[in-house]
Amino acid sequence: MRYAIVIEKAGNNFSAYAPDLPGCVATGATIEEAEAQLREAIEFHLAGLQEDGLPIPPATSQVEYIEVAA
């Protein structure tokens, strides 16, 4: 599966979340650490859903960038 993620600067660290998986969040001292922590959180989250017999949310979010004049 492939989920879109968002990584944001949060004070002295970075926070990350997956829009298609509400409540699935992680933090890290670096972007790379936040991404690695979120990968683990997503895997744990999906395993928990499967264990509970709940459906796995489909990956529907899309990420695009736009350029604007400053």
PDB file of N, CA and C in Angstrom:
ATOM      1  N   MET A   1       0.848  -1.183   0.000  1.00  0.00           N
ATOM      2  CA  MET A   1       0.000   0.000   0.000  1.00  0.00           C
ATOM      3  C   MET A   1       0.890   1.240   0.000  1.00  0.00           C
ATOM      4  N   ARG A   2       0.335   2.296  -0.524  1.00  0.00           N
ATOM      5  CA  ARG A   2       1.086   3.548  -0.597  1.00  0.00           C
ATOM      6  C   ARG A   2       0.167   4.674  -0.113  1.00  0.00           C
ATOM      7  N   TYR A   3       0.548   5.311   0.993  1.00  0.00           N
ATOM      8  CA  TYR A   3      -0.236   6.399   1.569  1.00  0.00           C
ATOM      9  C   TYR A   3       0.516   7.713   1.441  1.00  0.00           C
ATOM     10  N   ALA A   4      -0.208   8.774   1.156  1.00  0.00           N
ATOM     11  CA  ALA A   4       0.373  10.118   1.178  1.00  0.00           C
ATOM     12  C   ALA A   4       0.628  10.494   2.631  1.00  0.00           C
ATOM     13  N   ILE A   5       1.737  11.177   2.881  1.00  0.00           N
ATOM     14  CA  ILE A   5       2.024  11.665   4.228  1.00  0.00           C
ATOM     15  C   ILE A   5       2.366  13.145   4.158  1.00  0.00           C
ATOM     16  N   VAL A   6       2.202  13.806   5.285  1.00  0.00           N
ATOM     17  CA  VAL A   6       2.544  15.218   5.422  1.00  0.00           C
ATOM     18  C   VAL A   6       3.547  15.325   6.559  1.00  0.00           C
ATOM     19  N   ILE A   7       4.644  16.025   6.310  1.00  0.00           N
ATOM     20  CA  ILE A   7       5.657  16.267   7.341  1.00  0.00           C
ATOM     21  C   ILE A   7       5.770  17.772   7.520  1.00  0.00           C
ATOM     22  N   GLU A   8       5.641  18.217   8.757  1.00  0.00           N
ATOM     23  CA  GLU A   8       5.668  19.649   9.063  1.00  0.00           C
ATOM     24  C   GLU A   8       6.715  19.948  10.129  1.00  0.00           C
ATOM     25  N   LYS A   9       7.324  21.110  10.026  1.00  0.00           N
ATOM     26  CA  LYS A   9       8.223  21.589  11.074  1.00  0.00           C
ATOM     27  C   LYS A   9       7.353  21.946  12.271  1.00  0.00           C
ATOM     28  N   ALA A  10       7.748  21.486  13.445  1.00  0.00           N
ATOM     29  CA  ALA A  10       6.961  21.727  14.664  1.00  0.00           C
ATOM     30  C   ALA A  10       7.895  22.154  15.782  1.00  0.00           C
ATOM     31  N   GLY A  11       8.241  23.425  15.797  1.00  0.00           N
ATOM     32  CA  GLY A  11       9.164  23.901  16.833  1.00  0.00           C
ATOM     33  C   GLY A  11      10.550  23.335  16.612  1.00  0.00           C
ATOM     34  N   ASN A  12      10.992  22.509  17.554  1.00  0.00           N
ATOM     35  CA  ASN A  12      12.342  21.942  17.485  1.00  0.00           C
ATOM     36  C   ASN A  12      12.389  20.554  16.850  1.00  0.00           C
ATOM     37  N   ASN A  13      11.249  20.079  16.341  1.00  0.00           N
ATOM     38  CA  ASN A  13      11.238  18.758  15.714  1.00  0.00           C
ATOM     39  C   ASN A  13      10.310  18.784  14.510  1.00  0.00           C
ATOM     40  N   PHE A  14       9.955  17.615  14.012  1.00  0.00           N
ATOM     41  CA  PHE A  14       9.053  17.487  12.877  1.00  0.00           C
ATOM     42  C   PHE A  14       7.905  16.563  13.263  1.00  0.00           C
ATOM     43  N   SER A  15       6.719  16.877  12.759  1.00  0.00           N
ATOM     44  CA  SER A  15       5.575  15.998  12.977  1.00  0.00           C
ATOM     45  C   SER A  15       5.126  15.481  11.613  1.00  0.00           C
ATOM     46  N   ALA A  16       4.534  14.307  11.618  1.00  0.00           N
ATOM     47  CA  ALA A  16       4.096  13.691  10.373  1.00  0.00           C
ATOM     48  C   ALA A  16       2.762  13.006  10.590  1.00  0.00           C
ATOM     49  N   TYR A  17       1.942  12.999   9.547  1.00  0.00           N
ATOM     50  CA  TYR A  17       0.668  12.292   9.616  1.00  0.00           C
ATOM     51  C   TYR A  17       0.260  11.827   8.221  1.00  0.00           C
ATOM     52  N   ALA A  18      -0.661  10.880   8.201  1.00  0.00           N
ATOM     53  CA  ALA A  18      -1.210  10.354   6.952  1.00  0.00           C
ATOM     54  C   ALA A  18      -2.671  10.772   6.886  1.00  0.00           C
ATOM     55  N   PRO A  19      -3.046  11.640   5.947  1.00  0.00           N
ATOM     56  CA  PRO A  19      -4.423  12.131   5.878  1.00  0.00           C
ATOM     57  C   PRO A  19      -5.475  11.028   5.768  1.00  0.00           C
ATOM     58  N   ASP A  20      -5.146   9.912   5.150  1.00  0.00           N
ATOM     59  CA  ASP A  20      -6.114   8.831   4.982  1.00  0.00           C
ATOM     60  C   ASP A  20      -6.248   7.946   6.215  1.00  0.00           C
ATOM     61  N   LEU A  21      -5.406   8.182   7.220  1.00  0.00           N
ATOM     62  CA  LEU A  21      -5.435   7.377   8.445  1.00  0.00           C
ATOM     63  C   LEU A  21      -5.547   8.303   9.654  1.00  0.00           C
ATOM     64  N   PRO A  22      -6.735   8.839   9.916  1.00  0.00           N
ATOM     65  CA  PRO A  22      -6.910   9.785  11.022  1.00  0.00           C
ATOM     66  C   PRO A  22      -6.363   9.240  12.338  1.00  0.00           C
ATOM     67  N   GLY A  23      -5.633  10.085  13.042  1.00  0.00           N
ATOM     68  CA  GLY A  23      -5.067   9.703  14.332  1.00  0.00           C
ATOM     69  C   GLY A  23      -3.728   9.011  14.246  1.00  0.00           C
ATOM     70  N   CYS A  24      -3.272   8.712  13.044  1.00  0.00           N
ATOM     71  CA  CYS A  24      -1.983   8.041  12.873  1.00  0.00           C
ATOM     72  C   CYS A  24      -0.922   9.126  12.665  1.00  0.00           C
ATOM     73  N   VAL A  25      -0.167   9.407  13.720  1.00  0.00           N
ATOM     74  CA  VAL A  25       0.803  10.500  13.709  1.00  0.00           C
ATOM     75  C   VAL A  25       2.130  10.040  14.293  1.00  0.00           C
ATOM     76  N   ALA A  26       3.169  10.822  14.027  1.00  0.00           N
ATOM     77  CA  ALA A  26       4.490  10.523  14.589  1.00  0.00           C
ATOM     78  C   ALA A  26       5.306  11.811  14.616  1.00  0.00           C
ATOM     79  N   THR A  27       6.387  11.776  15.384  1.00  0.00           N
ATOM     80  CA  THR A  27       7.307  12.907  15.436  1.00  0.00           C
ATOM     81  C   THR A  27       8.732  12.394  15.333  1.00  0.00           C
ATOM     82  N   GLY A  28       9.645  13.310  15.026  1.00  0.00           N
ATOM     83  CA  GLY A  28      11.052  12.956  14.978  1.00  0.00           C
ATOM     84  C   GLY A  28      11.908  14.201  15.005  1.00  0.00           C
ATOM     85  N   ALA A  29      13.154  14.043  15.379  1.00  0.00           N
ATOM     86  CA  ALA A  29      14.089  15.167  15.443  1.00  0.00           C
ATOM     87  C   ALA A  29      14.456  15.662  14.051  1.00  0.00           C
ATOM     88  N   THR A  30      14.360  14.782  13.051  1.00  0.00           N
ATOM     89  CA  THR A  30      14.666  15.127  11.659  1.00  0.00           C
ATOM     90  C   THR A  30      13.509  14.681  10.775  1.00  0.00           C
ATOM     91  N   ILE A  31      13.512  15.147   9.546  1.00  0.00           N
ATOM     92  CA  ILE A  31      12.494  14.711   8.589  1.00  0.00           C
ATOM     93  C   ILE A  31      12.569  13.199   8.409  1.00  0.00           C
ATOM     94  N   GLU A  32      13.780  12.693   8.268  1.00  0.00           N
ATOM     95  CA  GLU A  32      13.979  11.261   8.062  1.00  0.00           C
ATOM     96  C   GLU A  32      13.468  10.446   9.247  1.00  0.00           C
ATOM     97  N   GLU A  33      13.722  10.935  10.448  1.00  0.00           N
ATOM     98  CA  GLU A  33      13.244  10.224  11.644  1.00  0.00           C
ATOM     99  C   GLU A  33      11.722  10.266  11.737  1.00  0.00           C
ATOM    100  N   ALA A  34      11.129  11.418  11.436  1.00  0.00           N
ATOM    101  CA  ALA A  34       9.662  11.523  11.467  1.00  0.00           C
ATOM    102  C   ALA A  34       9.040  10.574  10.447  1.00  0.00           C
ATOM    103  N   GLU A  35       9.633  10.486   9.264  1.00  0.00           N
ATOM    104  CA  GLU A  35       9.121   9.583   8.236  1.00  0.00           C
ATOM    105  C   GLU A  35       9.251   8.126   8.675  1.00  0.00           C
ATOM    106  N   ALA A  36      10.391   7.765   9.241  1.00  0.00           N
ATOM    107  CA  ALA A  36      10.590   6.386   9.711  1.00  0.00           C
ATOM    108  C   ALA A  36       9.616   6.045  10.835  1.00  0.00           C
ATOM    109  N   GLN A  37       9.414   6.984  11.755  1.00  0.00           N
ATOM    110  CA  GLN A  37       8.486   6.748  12.861  1.00  0.00           C
ATOM    111  C   GLN A  37       7.052   6.610  12.349  1.00  0.00           C
ATOM    112  N   LEU A  38       6.691   7.416  11.343  1.00  0.00           N
ATOM    113  CA  LEU A  38       5.349   7.332  10.796  1.00  0.00           C
ATOM    114  C   LEU A  38       5.154   6.018  10.039  1.00  0.00           C
ATOM    115  N   ARG A  39       6.178   5.559   9.351  1.00  0.00           N
ATOM    116  CA  ARG A  39       6.083   4.271   8.663  1.00  0.00           C
ATOM    117  C   ARG A  39       5.742   3.167   9.674  1.00  0.00           C
ATOM    118  N   GLU A  40       6.438   3.175  10.804  1.00  0.00           N
ATOM    119  CA  GLU A  40       6.163   2.193  11.861  1.00  0.00           C
ATOM    120  C   GLU A  40       4.746   2.364  12.415  1.00  0.00           C
ATOM    121  N   ALA A  41       4.336   3.619  12.614  1.00  0.00           N
ATOM    122  CA  ALA A  41       2.997   3.888  13.146  1.00  0.00           C
ATOM    123  C   ALA A  41       1.918   3.396  12.180  1.00  0.00           C
ATOM    124  N   ILE A  42       2.120   3.606  10.882  1.00  0.00           N
ATOM    125  CA  ILE A  42       1.150   3.146   9.886  1.00  0.00           C
ATOM    126  C   ILE A  42       1.071   1.627   9.891  1.00  0.00           C
ATOM    127  N   GLU A  43       2.215   0.959   9.902  1.00  0.00           N
ATOM    128  CA  GLU A  43       2.224  -0.508   9.923  1.00  0.00           C
ATOM    129  C   GLU A  43       1.506  -1.035  11.165  1.00  0.00           C
ATOM    130  N   PHE A  44       1.763  -0.423  12.318  1.00  0.00           N
ATOM    131  CA  PHE A  44       1.112  -0.821  13.569  1.00  0.00           C
ATOM    132  C   PHE A  44      -0.390  -0.571  13.493  1.00  0.00           C
ATOM    133  N   HIS A  45      -0.768   0.589  12.968  1.00  0.00           N
ATOM    134  CA  HIS A  45      -2.177   0.970  12.846  1.00  0.00           C
ATOM    135  C   HIS A  45      -2.928  -0.025  11.955  1.00  0.00           C
ATOM    136  N   LEU A  46      -2.353  -0.336  10.794  1.00  0.00           N
ATOM    137  CA  LEU A  46      -2.998  -1.257   9.867  1.00  0.00           C
ATOM    138  C   LEU A  46      -3.096  -2.664  10.453  1.00  0.00           C
ATOM    139  N   ALA A  47      -2.057  -3.098  11.163  1.00  0.00           N
ATOM    140  CA  ALA A  47      -2.094  -4.419  11.807  1.00  0.00           C
ATOM    141  C   ALA A  47      -3.208  -4.459  12.852  1.00  0.00           C
ATOM    142  N   GLY A  48      -3.385  -3.373  13.597  1.00  0.00           N
ATOM    143  CA  GLY A  48      -4.441  -3.305  14.603  1.00  0.00           C
ATOM    144  C   GLY A  48      -5.825  -3.365  13.977  1.00  0.00           C
ATOM    145  N   LEU A  49      -5.997  -2.675  12.856  1.00  0.00           N
ATOM    146  CA  LEU A  49      -7.282  -2.722  12.158  1.00  0.00           C
ATOM    147  C   LEU A  49      -7.576  -4.145  11.688  1.00  0.00           C
ATOM    148  N   GLN A  50      -6.578  -4.794  11.118  1.00  0.00           N
ATOM    149  CA  GLN A  50      -6.761  -6.172  10.646  1.00  0.00           C
ATOM    150  C   GLN A  50      -7.097  -7.096  11.805  1.00  0.00           C
ATOM    151  N   GLU A  51      -6.383  -6.935  12.908  1.00  0.00           N
ATOM    152  CA  GLU A  51      -6.625  -7.765  14.092  1.00  0.00           C
ATOM    153  C   GLU A  51      -8.056  -7.620  14.595  1.00  0.00           C
ATOM    154  N   ASP A  52      -8.574  -6.399  14.519  1.00  0.00           N
ATOM    155  CA  ASP A  52      -9.928  -6.121  14.991  1.00  0.00           C
ATOM    156  C   ASP A  52     -10.994  -6.418  13.940  1.00  0.00           C
ATOM    157  N   GLY A  53     -10.571  -6.890  12.767  1.00  0.00           N
ATOM    158  CA  GLY A  53     -11.511  -7.205  11.704  1.00  0.00           C
ATOM    159  C   GLY A  53     -12.123  -5.990  11.045  1.00  0.00           C
ATOM    160  N   LEU A  54     -11.444  -4.859  11.146  1.00  0.00           N
ATOM    161  CA  LEU A  54     -11.945  -3.620  10.555  1.00  0.00           C
ATOM    162  C   LEU A  54     -11.331  -3.418   9.172  1.00  0.00           C
ATOM    163  N   PRO A  55     -12.019  -2.684   8.313  1.00  0.00           N
ATOM    164  CA  PRO A  55     -11.496  -2.472   6.962  1.00  0.00           C
ATOM    165  C   PRO A  55     -10.267  -1.553   6.961  1.00  0.00           C
ATOM    166  N   ILE A  56      -9.384  -1.804   6.030  1.00  0.00           N
ATOM    167  CA  ILE A  56      -8.210  -0.946   5.838  1.00  0.00           C
ATOM    168  C   ILE A  56      -8.656   0.225   4.958  1.00  0.00           C
ATOM    169  N   PRO A  57      -8.476   1.470   5.431  1.00  0.00           N
ATOM    170  CA  PRO A  57      -8.894   2.618   4.622  1.00  0.00           C
ATOM    171  C   PRO A  57      -8.091   2.683   3.321  1.00  0.00           C
ATOM    172  N   PRO A  58      -8.769   2.947   2.221  1.00  0.00           N
ATOM    173  CA  PRO A  58      -8.039   3.059   0.962  1.00  0.00           C
ATOM    174  C   PRO A  58      -7.212   4.347   0.945  1.00  0.00           C
ATOM    175  N   ALA A  59      -6.129   4.300   0.217  1.00  0.00           N
ATOM    176  CA  ALA A  59      -5.289   5.486   0.043  1.00  0.00           C
ATOM    177  C   ALA A  59      -5.925   6.337  -1.053  1.00  0.00           C
ATOM    178  N   THR A  60      -6.541   7.451  -0.666  1.00  0.00           N
ATOM    179  CA  THR A  60      -7.231   8.292  -1.636  1.00  0.00           C
ATOM    180  C   THR A  60      -6.647   9.690  -1.739  1.00  0.00           C
ATOM    181  N   SER A  61      -5.844  10.097  -0.760  1.00  0.00           N
ATOM    182  CA  SER A  61      -5.266  11.444  -0.797  1.00  0.00           C
ATOM    183  C   SER A  61      -4.232  11.534  -1.908  1.00  0.00           C
ATOM    184  N   GLN A  62      -4.112  12.733  -2.440  1.00  0.00           N
ATOM    185  CA  GLN A  62      -3.180  13.007  -3.524  1.00  0.00           C
ATOM    186  C   GLN A  62      -2.361  14.220  -3.133  1.00  0.00           C
ATOM    187  N   VAL A  63      -1.124  14.254  -3.507  1.00  0.00           N
ATOM    188  CA  VAL A  63      -0.261  15.378  -3.175  1.00  0.00           C
ATOM    189  C   VAL A  63       0.189  16.053  -4.461  1.00  0.00           C
ATOM    190  N   GLU A  64       0.032  17.334  -4.504  1.00  0.00           N
ATOM    191  CA  GLU A  64       0.481  18.145  -5.634  1.00  0.00           C
ATOM    192  C   GLU A  64       1.102  19.418  -5.093  1.00  0.00           C
ATOM    193  N   TYR A  65       1.958  20.013  -5.855  1.00  0.00           N
ATOM    194  CA  TYR A  65       2.537  21.300  -5.508  1.00  0.00           C
ATOM    195  C   TYR A  65       2.118  22.310  -6.563  1.00  0.00           C
ATOM    196  N   ILE A  66       1.887  23.549  -6.132  1.00  0.00           N
ATOM    197  CA  ILE A  66       1.611  24.613  -7.074  1.00  0.00           C
ATOM    198  C   ILE A  66       2.597  25.747  -6.823  1.00  0.00           C
ATOM    199  N   GLU A  67       2.933  26.450  -7.855  1.00  0.00           N
ATOM    200  CA  GLU A  67       3.810  27.605  -7.717  1.00  0.00           C
ATOM    201  C   GLU A  67       2.969  28.873  -7.760  1.00  0.00           C
ATOM    202  N   VAL A  68       3.311  29.804  -6.900  1.00  0.00           N
ATOM    203  CA  VAL A  68       2.631  31.090  -6.863  1.00  0.00           C
ATOM    204  C   VAL A  68       3.679  32.193  -6.825  1.00  0.00           C
ATOM    205  N   ALA A  69       3.321  33.350  -7.318  1.00  0.00           N
ATOM    206  CA  ALA A  69       4.218  34.494  -7.257  1.00  0.00           C
ATOM    207  C   ALA A  69       4.233  35.022  -5.828  1.00  0.00           C
ATOM    208  N   ALA A  70       5.402  35.340  -5.337  1.00  0.00           N
ATOM    209  CA  ALA A  70       5.512  35.840  -3.966  1.00  0.00           C
ATOM    210  C   ALA A  70       5.305  37.327  -3.887  1.00  0.00           C
TER     211      ALA A  70
END
